[in-house]
Amino acid sequence: MEGKAKTPAGSPVARGKRSLARKSTAVSQAVQLMYPICLSLD
């Protein structure tokens, strides 16, 4: 994988994609935690 990508591994784009993936994972985990709570409030 290292030699194939035109952009270096430490490029802002790659870093942004990685942080975005981490954020979306955190969001989905938060949704899974909050969803039952919201249902029980109803």
N, C-alpha and C. Protein backbone atom coordinates (compact mmCIF):
# COMPACT_ATOMS: atom_id res chain seq x y z
N MET A 1 0.83 -1.21 0.00
CA MET A 1 0.00 0.00 0.00
C MET A 1 0.86 1.26 0.00
N GLU A 2 2.03 1.19 0.64
CA GLU A 2 2.84 2.39 0.80
C GLU A 2 3.25 2.98 -0.54
N GLY A 3 3.74 2.14 -1.46
CA GLY A 3 4.28 2.67 -2.71
C GLY A 3 3.21 3.09 -3.70
N LYS A 4 2.00 2.59 -3.56
CA LYS A 4 0.98 2.81 -4.58
C LYS A 4 0.32 4.18 -4.48
N ALA A 5 0.08 4.64 -3.26
CA ALA A 5 -0.63 5.91 -3.09
C ALA A 5 0.24 7.07 -3.55
N LYS A 6 -0.37 8.01 -4.29
CA LYS A 6 0.39 9.18 -4.75
C LYS A 6 0.65 10.14 -3.61
N THR A 7 -0.30 10.26 -2.69
CA THR A 7 -0.10 11.16 -1.55
C THR A 7 0.60 10.40 -0.43
N PRO A 8 1.49 11.07 0.28
CA PRO A 8 2.18 10.41 1.39
C PRO A 8 1.20 10.03 2.49
N ALA A 9 1.61 9.05 3.30
CA ALA A 9 0.70 8.54 4.33
C ALA A 9 0.35 9.64 5.34
N GLY A 10 1.28 10.56 5.57
CA GLY A 10 1.05 11.60 6.57
C GLY A 10 0.41 12.85 5.99
N SER A 11 -0.18 12.75 4.81
CA SER A 11 -0.78 13.93 4.18
C SER A 11 -2.03 14.36 4.94
N PRO A 12 -2.37 15.64 4.88
CA PRO A 12 -3.57 16.15 5.57
C PRO A 12 -4.83 15.41 5.16
N VAL A 13 -4.90 15.03 3.89
CA VAL A 13 -6.10 14.33 3.41
C VAL A 13 -6.25 12.99 4.12
N ALA A 14 -5.15 12.24 4.17
CA ALA A 14 -5.20 10.93 4.82
C ALA A 14 -5.52 11.09 6.30
N ARG A 15 -4.90 12.11 6.92
CA ARG A 15 -5.15 12.33 8.34
C ARG A 15 -6.61 12.72 8.56
N GLY A 16 -7.15 13.54 7.66
CA GLY A 16 -8.54 13.95 7.78
C GLY A 16 -9.48 12.78 7.63
N LYS A 17 -9.17 11.90 6.67
CA LYS A 17 -10.03 10.72 6.48
C LYS A 17 -10.03 9.85 7.72
N ARG A 18 -8.82 9.70 8.32
CA ARG A 18 -8.72 8.84 9.48
C ARG A 18 -9.51 9.42 10.66
N SER A 19 -9.38 10.74 10.87
CA SER A 19 -10.10 11.36 11.98
C SER A 19 -11.60 11.34 11.71
N LEU A 20 -11.97 11.46 10.43
CA LEU A 20 -13.39 11.41 10.07
C LEU A 20 -13.96 10.03 10.39
N ALA A 21 -13.20 8.99 10.06
CA ALA A 21 -13.65 7.63 10.35
C ALA A 21 -13.80 7.43 11.85
N ARG A 22 -12.83 7.99 12.61
CA ARG A 22 -12.89 7.85 14.06
C ARG A 22 -14.12 8.59 14.60
N LYS A 23 -14.39 9.77 14.00
CA LYS A 23 -15.55 10.56 14.45
C LYS A 23 -16.85 9.82 14.16
N SER A 24 -16.97 9.27 12.96
CA SER A 24 -18.22 8.59 12.60
C SER A 24 -18.42 7.36 13.47
N THR A 25 -17.33 6.70 13.83
CA THR A 25 -17.44 5.55 14.73
C THR A 25 -17.94 6.00 16.09
N ALA A 26 -17.38 7.11 16.59
CA ALA A 26 -17.81 7.63 17.88
C ALA A 26 -19.27 8.05 17.83
N VAL A 27 -19.68 8.64 16.71
CA VAL A 27 -21.07 9.08 16.56
C VAL A 27 -22.01 7.88 16.59
N SER A 28 -21.67 6.84 15.85
CA SER A 28 -22.54 5.66 15.80
C SER A 28 -22.62 5.00 17.17
N GLN A 29 -21.50 5.00 17.91
CA GLN A 29 -21.52 4.43 19.25
C GLN A 29 -22.41 5.28 20.16
N ALA A 30 -22.32 6.60 20.04
CA ALA A 30 -23.14 7.49 20.86
C ALA A 30 -24.62 7.28 20.54
N VAL A 31 -24.93 7.11 19.25
CA VAL A 31 -26.33 6.88 18.86
C VAL A 31 -26.84 5.59 19.48
N GLN A 32 -26.02 4.54 19.42
CA GLN A 32 -26.43 3.26 19.99
C GLN A 32 -26.65 3.39 21.49
N LEU A 33 -25.86 4.24 22.15
CA LEU A 33 -26.04 4.43 23.59
C LEU A 33 -27.26 5.28 23.89
N MET A 34 -27.48 6.33 23.10
CA MET A 34 -28.55 7.29 23.40
C MET A 34 -29.91 6.79 22.96
N TYR A 35 -29.97 5.96 21.93
CA TYR A 35 -31.25 5.56 21.35
C TYR A 35 -32.17 4.89 22.38
N PRO A 36 -31.71 3.90 23.13
CA PRO A 36 -32.59 3.28 24.15
C PRO A 36 -33.02 4.29 25.21
N ILE A 37 -32.14 5.22 25.56
CA ILE A 37 -32.47 6.23 26.57
C ILE A 37 -33.60 7.11 26.06
N CYS A 38 -33.51 7.53 24.81
CA CYS A 38 -34.56 8.36 24.22
C CYS A 38 -35.87 7.59 24.15
N LEU A 39 -35.80 6.31 23.85
CA LEU A 39 -37.02 5.50 23.77
C LEU A 39 -37.65 5.37 25.15
N SER A 40 -36.83 5.19 26.17
CA SER A 40 -37.38 5.01 27.52
C SER A 40 -37.97 6.33 28.03
N LEU A 41 -37.45 7.46 27.53
CA LEU A 41 -38.00 8.76 27.94
C LEU A 41 -39.40 8.94 27.38
N ASP A 42 -39.63 8.41 26.18
CA ASP A 42 -40.97 8.48 25.59
C ASP A 42 -41.93 7.67 26.44
